């Protein structure tokens, strides 16, 4: 198999996706990287010997010898960069979220359809073993028809990952009910078989809002910006982003278009970092305890009872064959993307679902900032949705 020649735009925190895609002699090779940061370009030159490295993304989008493009830039730039690559006829992988507004997401989808160029969105949680187990259980009727879903998101490392760079500013992310929760909203939609129609949210900047220990504008992150066991409790964080104007505790209620009622909660006070899903159907419920290897998905579905710790079914969350990146999900989304570039067809990830996750998160943020006023999620043009549901044919 001849290697696909991959161009990469953006080589920052999600540069790991590019390294996962670099498989010389095994289907793909990173042949070009563009990033405006000289430090990122130096790192890319080391990671991909022989690749062209440039500061301007057009060196990738307009290059005639590339077969596909990975867009790994900050969220607010996704539409500009992705549309440029789509217009150039290059299949595109866009890191989630698709963008930070509904309008810009729709612009990407329209551009993909109008050009006929393949679009893929990196919602890697659809390939995480814990999500696969829950979806398979629901698919075989283990809890009957889904009626409600509760998601609790404990973000113990939030101060490291989201409050020391551009993620902390709403002009670049809209907010964490979009940037961070897009993962879980997408999974919630996938498990429930519907899309959010109405939202109502509340939240505040409770954890890092009054922390005075900020870097000066333009000052780079410190070398110890992330540690596995330090920076605890949250008020001990130092060298935070100069601007912090997004919420770090939030509560979201959702009504889906199929009648499912759902909730999502995100908290950055917590010391642990994992997601807990409780899915209740008309014939049982399931819940995950841990979301990686060593965790379990438990099912209660045989009878009524008081509290009982022992479930009717227990499903172990396995170790991934290749555990690099999000419990092995990153290699799997790259596998799927490379297959999609070569063959087309339907994929487990969905540009429509990615758009709907952003739309729900965007309107939830608007609700939160308007004192919890309910908001309706804008629908997608049915003809555009049908194009992607057919596998972009």
Protein backbone atom coordinates (compact mmCIF):
# COMPACT_ATOMS: atom_id res chain seq x y z
CA UNK A 1 0.00 0.00 0.00
CA UNK A 2 1.41 3.37 -1.00
CA UNK A 3 1.60 5.76 1.92
CA UNK A 4 -0.83 8.67 1.93
CA UNK A 5 1.06 11.94 2.17
CA UNK A 6 -0.39 13.90 5.08
CA UNK A 7 -0.15 17.62 5.69
CA UNK A 8 -0.52 18.94 9.25
CA UNK A 9 -1.70 22.42 10.19
CA UNK A 10 -1.01 23.21 13.83
CA UNK A 11 1.54 21.34 15.91
CA UNK A 12 0.63 22.16 19.49
CA UNK A 13 -1.02 20.09 22.20
CA UNK A 14 -2.81 17.87 19.68
CA UNK A 15 0.36 17.27 17.72
CA UNK A 16 0.03 13.77 19.14
CA UNK A 17 -2.60 13.13 16.46
CA UNK A 18 -0.01 13.92 13.77
CA UNK A 19 2.51 11.60 15.41
CA UNK A 20 -0.12 8.85 15.51
CA UNK A 21 -0.82 9.38 11.80
CA UNK A 22 2.87 9.18 10.88
CA UNK A 23 3.29 5.54 9.85
CA UNK A 24 5.96 5.39 7.16
CA UNK A 25 5.59 2.16 5.21
CA UNK A 26 2.29 1.39 6.99
CA UNK A 27 -0.17 3.59 5.13
CA UNK A 28 0.66 7.21 5.87
CA UNK A 29 3.50 9.63 6.31
CA UNK A 30 3.51 13.23 7.52
CA UNK A 31 5.06 15.10 4.62
CA UNK A 32 4.42 18.74 5.57
CA UNK A 33 3.69 20.74 8.74
CA UNK A 34 2.66 24.37 9.13
CA UNK A 35 2.63 26.32 12.39
CA UNK A 36 3.30 30.02 13.06
CA UNK A 37 5.21 29.24 16.27
CA UNK A 38 8.95 28.67 15.64
CA UNK A 39 9.14 26.33 18.66
CA UNK A 40 6.39 24.17 17.20
CA UNK A 41 8.15 24.12 13.83
CA UNK A 42 11.39 23.01 15.48
CA UNK A 43 9.56 20.22 17.30
CA UNK A 44 7.87 19.13 14.05
CA UNK A 45 11.17 19.03 12.20
CA UNK A 46 12.49 16.64 14.85
CA UNK A 47 9.36 14.48 14.90
CA UNK A 48 9.08 14.15 11.10
CA UNK A 49 12.53 14.08 9.50
CA UNK A 50 12.35 15.09 5.87
CA UNK A 51 8.94 16.78 6.13
CA UNK A 52 8.54 20.33 4.82
CA UNK A 53 8.02 22.73 7.72
CA UNK A 54 6.54 26.19 7.21
CA UNK A 55 4.89 29.02 9.11
CA UNK A 56 1.98 29.63 6.72
CA UNK A 57 -0.91 27.14 6.52
CA UNK A 58 -1.20 27.80 2.79
CA UNK A 59 2.06 25.90 2.35
CA UNK A 60 -0.06 22.85 3.27
CA UNK A 61 -3.51 23.65 1.89
CA UNK A 62 -2.14 24.64 -1.52
CA UNK A 63 0.56 21.95 -1.81
CA UNK A 64 -0.21 19.74 -4.83
CA UNK A 65 1.59 16.66 -3.51
CA UNK A 66 -0.48 16.07 -0.36
CA UNK A 67 -3.35 13.57 -0.12
CA UNK A 68 -5.05 14.78 3.07
CA UNK A 69 -4.81 17.42 5.80
CA UNK A 70 -5.02 17.30 9.60
CA UNK A 71 -6.36 20.55 11.11
CA UNK A 72 -5.02 20.68 14.68
CA UNK A 73 -5.12 24.44 15.22
CA UNK A 74 -6.90 26.37 18.03
CA UNK A 75 -10.66 25.95 17.92
CA UNK A 76 -11.58 29.40 16.62
CA UNK A 77 -9.44 28.92 13.49
CA UNK A 78 -10.94 25.61 12.38
CA UNK A 79 -13.43 26.99 9.85
CA UNK A 80 -10.92 29.19 8.04
CA UNK A 81 -8.27 26.51 7.79
CA UNK A 82 -10.59 23.57 7.09
CA UNK A 83 -12.49 25.43 4.37
CA UNK A 84 -9.23 26.40 2.67
CA UNK A 85 -8.19 22.74 2.54
CA UNK A 86 -11.65 21.59 1.38
CA UNK A 87 -11.66 24.19 -1.39
CA UNK A 88 -8.26 22.87 -2.46
CA UNK A 89 -9.81 19.39 -2.79
CA UNK A 90 -7.96 17.79 0.10
CA UNK A 91 -9.78 15.42 2.50
CA UNK A 92 -9.75 17.05 5.93
CA UNK A 93 -9.53 15.80 9.51
CA UNK A 94 -10.70 18.53 11.92
CA UNK A 95 -9.93 18.14 15.60
CA UNK A 96 -13.00 18.56 17.78
CA UNK A 97 -14.84 20.81 18.39
CA UNK A 98 -15.68 21.52 14.76
CA UNK A 99 -15.53 25.27 15.52
CA UNK A 100 -16.77 27.61 18.27
CA UNK A 101 -20.01 28.92 16.69
CA UNK A 102 -22.90 27.25 14.92
CA UNK A 103 -22.52 29.50 11.87
CA UNK A 104 -18.87 28.58 11.36
CA UNK A 105 -19.63 24.87 11.74
CA UNK A 106 -22.31 25.19 9.09
CA UNK A 107 -19.85 26.97 6.83
CA UNK A 108 -17.53 23.96 7.02
CA UNK A 109 -20.35 21.52 6.25
CA UNK A 110 -21.61 23.57 3.30
CA UNK A 111 -18.08 23.86 1.91
CA UNK A 112 -17.57 20.10 2.13
CA UNK A 113 -20.82 19.41 0.28
CA UNK A 114 -20.29 22.09 -2.37
CA UNK A 115 -16.77 20.90 -3.15
CA UNK A 116 -17.49 17.18 -2.71
CA UNK A 117 -14.35 16.96 -0.56
CA UNK A 118 -14.33 14.46 2.31
CA UNK A 119 -14.68 15.85 5.83
CA UNK A 120 -13.90 13.97 9.06
CA UNK A 121 -14.17 15.28 12.65
CA UNK A 122 -11.99 13.84 15.40
CA UNK A 123 -14.54 12.99 18.07
CA UNK A 124 -12.30 10.26 19.44
CA UNK A 125 -14.53 9.29 22.38
CA UNK A 126 -16.71 7.32 19.95
CA UNK A 127 -13.79 4.89 19.80
CA UNK A 128 -13.12 4.69 23.55
CA UNK A 129 -13.79 1.18 24.90
CA UNK A 130 -16.04 2.45 27.70
CA UNK A 131 -18.30 4.21 25.20
CA UNK A 132 -18.32 1.20 22.87
CA UNK A 133 -19.38 -1.08 25.71
CA UNK A 134 -22.23 1.22 26.73
CA UNK A 135 -23.43 1.64 23.15
CA UNK A 136 -23.31 -2.11 22.53
CA UNK A 137 -25.32 -2.80 25.70
CA UNK A 138 -27.93 -0.24 24.67
CA UNK A 139 -28.00 -1.64 21.13
CA UNK A 140 -28.78 -5.15 22.33
CA UNK A 141 -31.57 -3.91 24.58
CA UNK A 142 -29.90 -4.45 27.95
CA UNK A 143 -31.79 -1.51 29.48
CA UNK A 144 -34.68 -1.21 27.03
CA UNK A 145 -35.31 2.12 25.30
CA UNK A 146 -33.16 4.99 26.60
CA UNK A 147 -35.20 7.57 28.49
CA UNK A 148 -32.68 9.69 30.39
CA UNK A 149 -28.90 10.17 30.60
CA UNK A 150 -26.87 11.85 33.35
CA UNK A 151 -23.23 12.77 32.80
CA UNK A 152 -20.91 13.92 35.58
CA UNK A 153 -17.55 15.22 34.40
CA UNK A 154 -14.85 15.47 37.07
CA UNK A 155 -12.02 17.64 35.70
CA UNK A 156 -9.20 17.33 38.21
CA UNK A 157 -6.49 18.56 35.83
CA UNK A 158 -8.56 21.43 34.48
CA UNK A 159 -6.31 24.09 35.92
CA UNK A 160 -3.39 22.69 33.95
CA UNK A 161 -5.12 21.97 30.65
CA UNK A 162 -7.70 24.76 30.31
CA UNK A 163 -6.63 27.78 32.33
CA UNK A 164 -3.01 28.31 31.30
CA UNK A 165 -3.42 29.18 27.62
CA UNK A 166 -6.02 30.26 25.03
CA UNK A 167 -8.56 27.72 26.31
CA UNK A 168 -9.30 30.14 29.18
CA UNK A 169 -10.65 32.87 26.86
CA UNK A 170 -14.16 32.83 25.45
CA UNK A 171 -13.04 34.59 22.26
CA UNK A 172 -11.11 31.42 21.38
CA UNK A 173 -13.44 28.73 22.78
CA UNK A 174 -16.88 30.25 23.52
CA UNK A 175 -16.65 28.32 26.81
CA UNK A 176 -16.06 24.89 28.32
CA UNK A 177 -19.68 23.85 27.79
CA UNK A 178 -18.64 23.86 24.14
CA UNK A 179 -14.89 23.24 24.10
CA UNK A 180 -14.78 20.55 26.78
CA UNK A 181 -18.36 19.28 26.88
CA UNK A 182 -18.58 18.77 23.10
CA UNK A 183 -17.00 15.34 23.71
CA UNK A 184 -19.69 14.29 26.16
CA UNK A 185 -22.61 15.90 24.37
CA UNK A 186 -21.61 13.96 21.25
CA UNK A 187 -21.42 10.69 23.23
CA UNK A 188 -24.72 11.45 24.95
CA UNK A 189 -26.35 12.00 21.55
CA UNK A 190 -24.82 8.76 20.21
CA UNK A 191 -26.03 6.70 23.17
CA UNK A 192 -29.49 8.28 23.11
CA UNK A 193 -30.11 8.17 19.37
CA UNK A 194 -31.13 11.84 19.15
CA UNK A 195 -29.90 15.42 19.13
CA UNK A 196 -30.47 18.15 21.70
CA UNK A 197 -33.45 20.39 20.92
CA UNK A 198 -33.67 22.59 24.06
CA UNK A 199 -31.07 23.56 26.67
CA UNK A 200 -30.97 25.34 30.00
CA UNK A 201 -27.72 25.91 31.88
CA UNK A 202 -26.22 27.58 34.93
CA UNK A 203 -22.61 28.04 35.95
CA UNK A 204 -19.92 30.35 37.21
CA UNK A 205 -16.19 31.02 37.32
CA UNK A 206 -15.79 29.67 40.84
CA UNK A 207 -12.42 27.89 40.89
CA UNK A 208 -9.89 30.13 39.14
CA UNK A 209 -11.68 33.46 38.90
CA UNK A 210 -10.11 35.03 41.98
CA UNK A 211 -6.66 33.42 41.62
CA UNK A 212 -4.27 36.39 41.18
CA UNK A 213 -1.32 34.31 40.00
CA UNK A 214 -1.43 35.10 36.27
CA UNK A 215 1.35 35.29 33.70
CA UNK A 216 2.04 38.64 32.09
CA UNK A 217 0.52 39.11 28.61
CA UNK A 218 2.78 37.44 26.05
CA UNK A 219 4.69 35.47 28.67
CA UNK A 220 4.93 31.75 27.70
CA UNK A 221 3.71 28.93 29.91
CA UNK A 222 6.18 27.72 32.51
CA UNK A 223 8.04 24.45 32.01
CA UNK A 224 6.07 22.86 34.87
CA UNK A 225 2.67 23.98 33.55
CA UNK A 226 1.42 20.39 33.92
CA UNK A 227 2.34 17.83 36.56
CA UNK A 228 0.77 14.49 37.37
CA UNK A 229 0.70 14.92 41.15
CA UNK A 230 1.26 18.65 41.81
CA UNK A 231 -0.88 21.78 41.57
CA UNK A 232 -3.28 20.65 44.28
CA UNK A 233 -5.56 21.97 45.68
CA UNK A 234 -6.82 24.21 42.87
CA UNK A 235 -5.98 27.51 44.60
CA UNK A 236 -2.28 26.50 44.56
CA UNK A 237 -2.14 26.87 40.77
CA UNK A 238 0.34 29.45 39.51
CA UNK A 239 1.16 31.04 36.15
CA UNK A 240 -2.42 30.98 34.90
CA UNK A 241 -3.45 32.63 31.65
CA UNK A 242 -3.55 36.45 31.84
CA UNK A 243 -7.23 36.41 30.80
CA UNK A 244 -9.74 33.97 32.29
CA UNK A 245 -13.36 34.62 31.35
CA UNK A 246 -14.89 31.16 30.97
CA UNK A 247 -16.84 29.21 33.57
CA UNK A 248 -15.28 26.31 35.50
CA UNK A 249 -18.40 24.90 37.19
CA UNK A 250 -21.51 24.30 35.08
CA UNK A 251 -24.83 22.46 35.07
CA UNK A 252 -26.68 21.73 31.84
CA UNK A 253 -30.17 20.31 31.24
CA UNK A 254 -31.19 19.05 27.79
CA UNK A 255 -34.30 17.80 26.01
CA UNK A 256 -33.51 15.75 22.90
CA UNK A 257 -35.58 15.60 19.73
CA UNK A 258 -36.62 12.01 20.55
CA UNK A 259 -37.93 12.94 24.01
CA UNK A 260 -34.87 11.82 26.02
CA UNK A 261 -34.09 14.07 28.99
CA UNK A 262 -30.41 14.50 29.83
CA UNK A 263 -28.05 16.42 32.08
CA UNK A 264 -24.36 17.26 32.08
CA UNK A 265 -22.30 18.58 34.98
CA UNK A 266 -18.70 19.80 34.84
CA UNK A 267 -16.59 20.70 37.88
CA UNK A 268 -12.94 21.78 38.16
CA UNK A 269 -12.78 21.73 41.97
CA UNK A 270 -12.66 17.93 42.02
CA UNK A 271 -9.32 16.11 42.55
CA UNK A 272 -10.11 13.23 40.17
CA UNK A 273 -10.34 13.30 36.37
CA UNK A 274 -12.91 11.01 34.74
CA UNK A 275 -16.44 10.83 33.37
CA UNK A 276 -19.41 9.03 34.87
CA UNK A 277 -22.36 8.16 32.62
CA UNK A 278 -25.67 6.91 33.99
CA UNK A 279 -28.05 5.77 31.25
CA UNK A 280 -31.58 4.77 32.25
CA UNK A 281 -33.97 2.97 29.95
CA UNK A 282 -37.48 1.68 30.40
CA UNK A 283 -36.09 -1.74 31.41
CA UNK A 284 -32.95 -1.02 33.43
CA UNK A 285 -29.96 1.25 33.87
CA UNK A 286 -26.23 1.14 33.26
CA UNK A 287 -23.39 3.12 34.76
CA UNK A 288 -19.63 3.23 34.29
CA UNK A 289 -17.24 3.24 37.24
CA UNK A 290 -13.97 4.50 35.82
CA UNK A 291 -13.67 5.27 32.12
CA UNK A 292 -10.43 3.47 31.25
CA UNK A 293 -8.77 0.08 31.66
CA UNK A 294 -9.56 -1.40 35.05
CA UNK A 295 -12.94 0.32 35.18
CA UNK A 296 -16.30 -1.35 34.74
CA UNK A 297 -19.69 -0.80 33.19
CA UNK A 298 -22.43 -2.20 35.42
CA UNK A 299 -26.03 -3.01 34.49
CA UNK A 300 -29.07 -3.35 36.77
CA UNK A 301 -32.02 -4.79 34.83
CA UNK A 302 -33.51 -7.90 36.47
CA UNK A 303 -35.76 -6.65 39.27
CA UNK A 304 -36.67 -3.82 41.59
CA UNK A 305 -34.74 -3.49 44.83
CA UNK A 306 -33.31 -1.22 47.45
CA UNK A 307 -29.70 -0.17 46.99
CA UNK A 308 -27.62 -3.14 45.93
CA UNK A 309 -23.96 -2.75 45.01
CA UNK A 310 -23.86 -5.97 43.01
CA UNK A 311 -25.26 -5.46 39.51
CA UNK A 312 -26.90 -7.99 37.22
CA UNK A 313 -24.09 -7.63 34.68
CA UNK A 314 -20.53 -6.37 34.94
CA UNK A 315 -18.43 -5.55 31.88
CA UNK A 316 -14.71 -4.89 32.31
CA UNK A 317 -13.21 -2.00 30.36
CA UNK A 318 -10.29 -3.57 28.49
CA UNK A 319 -6.81 -2.34 27.77
CA UNK A 320 -6.60 -1.06 24.21
CA UNK A 321 -4.29 -2.82 21.76
CA UNK A 322 -2.61 0.52 21.11
CA UNK A 323 -3.16 2.70 24.18
CA UNK A 324 -1.59 5.88 22.86
CA UNK A 325 -3.96 8.81 23.22
CA UNK A 326 -7.32 8.80 25.03
CA UNK A 327 -7.24 5.15 26.04
CA UNK A 328 -6.44 3.94 22.55
CA UNK A 329 -9.08 6.05 20.81
CA UNK A 330 -6.65 8.28 18.90
CA UNK A 331 -5.05 5.45 16.88
CA UNK A 332 -8.53 4.17 16.03
CA UNK A 333 -9.80 7.51 14.73
CA UNK A 334 -6.67 7.81 12.59
CA UNK A 335 -7.29 4.28 11.27
CA UNK A 336 -10.83 5.32 10.37
CA UNK A 337 -9.75 8.62 8.82
CA UNK A 338 -7.11 7.00 6.60
CA UNK A 339 -9.63 4.40 5.45
CA UNK A 340 -12.12 7.19 4.76
CA UNK A 341 -9.57 9.13 2.69
CA UNK A 342 -8.89 6.06 0.56
CA UNK A 343 -12.39 4.60 0.25
CA UNK A 344 -14.98 7.11 1.44
CA UNK A 345 -18.21 5.78 2.90
CA UNK A 346 -19.77 6.13 6.33
CA UNK A 347 -17.75 6.51 9.52
CA UNK A 348 -18.50 6.11 13.21
CA UNK A 349 -17.72 9.78 13.74
CA UNK A 350 -20.12 12.23 12.12
CA UNK A 351 -19.74 15.84 10.90
CA UNK A 352 -23.46 16.33 11.54
CA UNK A 353 -23.12 15.04 15.11
CA UNK A 354 -20.06 17.26 15.59
CA UNK A 355 -22.09 20.27 14.48
CA UNK A 356 -24.97 19.34 16.78
CA UNK A 357 -22.62 18.97 19.76
CA UNK A 358 -21.28 22.48 19.11
CA UNK A 359 -24.80 23.85 18.63
CA UNK A 360 -25.94 22.41 21.97
CA UNK A 361 -22.82 23.67 23.75
CA UNK A 362 -23.07 27.10 22.16
CA UNK A 363 -26.69 27.59 23.12
CA UNK A 364 -26.04 26.16 26.59
CA UNK A 365 -23.32 28.78 27.10
CA UNK A 366 -25.72 31.49 25.97
CA UNK A 367 -28.29 30.19 28.45
CA UNK A 368 -25.73 30.11 31.27
CA UNK A 369 -24.67 33.70 30.60
CA UNK A 370 -28.30 34.86 30.46
CA UNK A 371 -29.10 33.59 33.94
CA UNK A 372 -30.33 30.15 32.90
CA UNK A 373 -32.86 31.25 30.29
CA UNK A 374 -33.84 28.23 28.13
CA UNK A 375 -32.58 28.24 24.55
CA UNK A 376 -33.55 26.30 21.45
CA UNK A 377 -30.80 24.60 19.49
CA UNK A 378 -30.84 25.59 15.78
CA UNK A 379 -31.66 22.73 13.43
CA UNK A 380 -29.46 21.77 10.50
CA UNK A 381 -30.68 21.97 6.90
CA UNK A 382 -32.19 18.48 6.33
CA UNK A 383 -30.68 18.19 2.84
CA UNK A 384 -27.24 18.98 4.23
CA UNK A 385 -27.70 16.46 7.03
CA UNK A 386 -28.80 13.81 4.51
CA UNK A 387 -25.67 14.36 2.43
CA UNK A 388 -23.44 13.45 5.36
CA UNK A 389 -25.66 10.61 6.56
CA UNK A 390 -25.21 9.02 3.12
CA UNK A 391 -21.46 8.99 3.69
CA UNK A 392 -20.81 12.20 1.73
CA UNK A 393 -21.77 10.63 -1.57
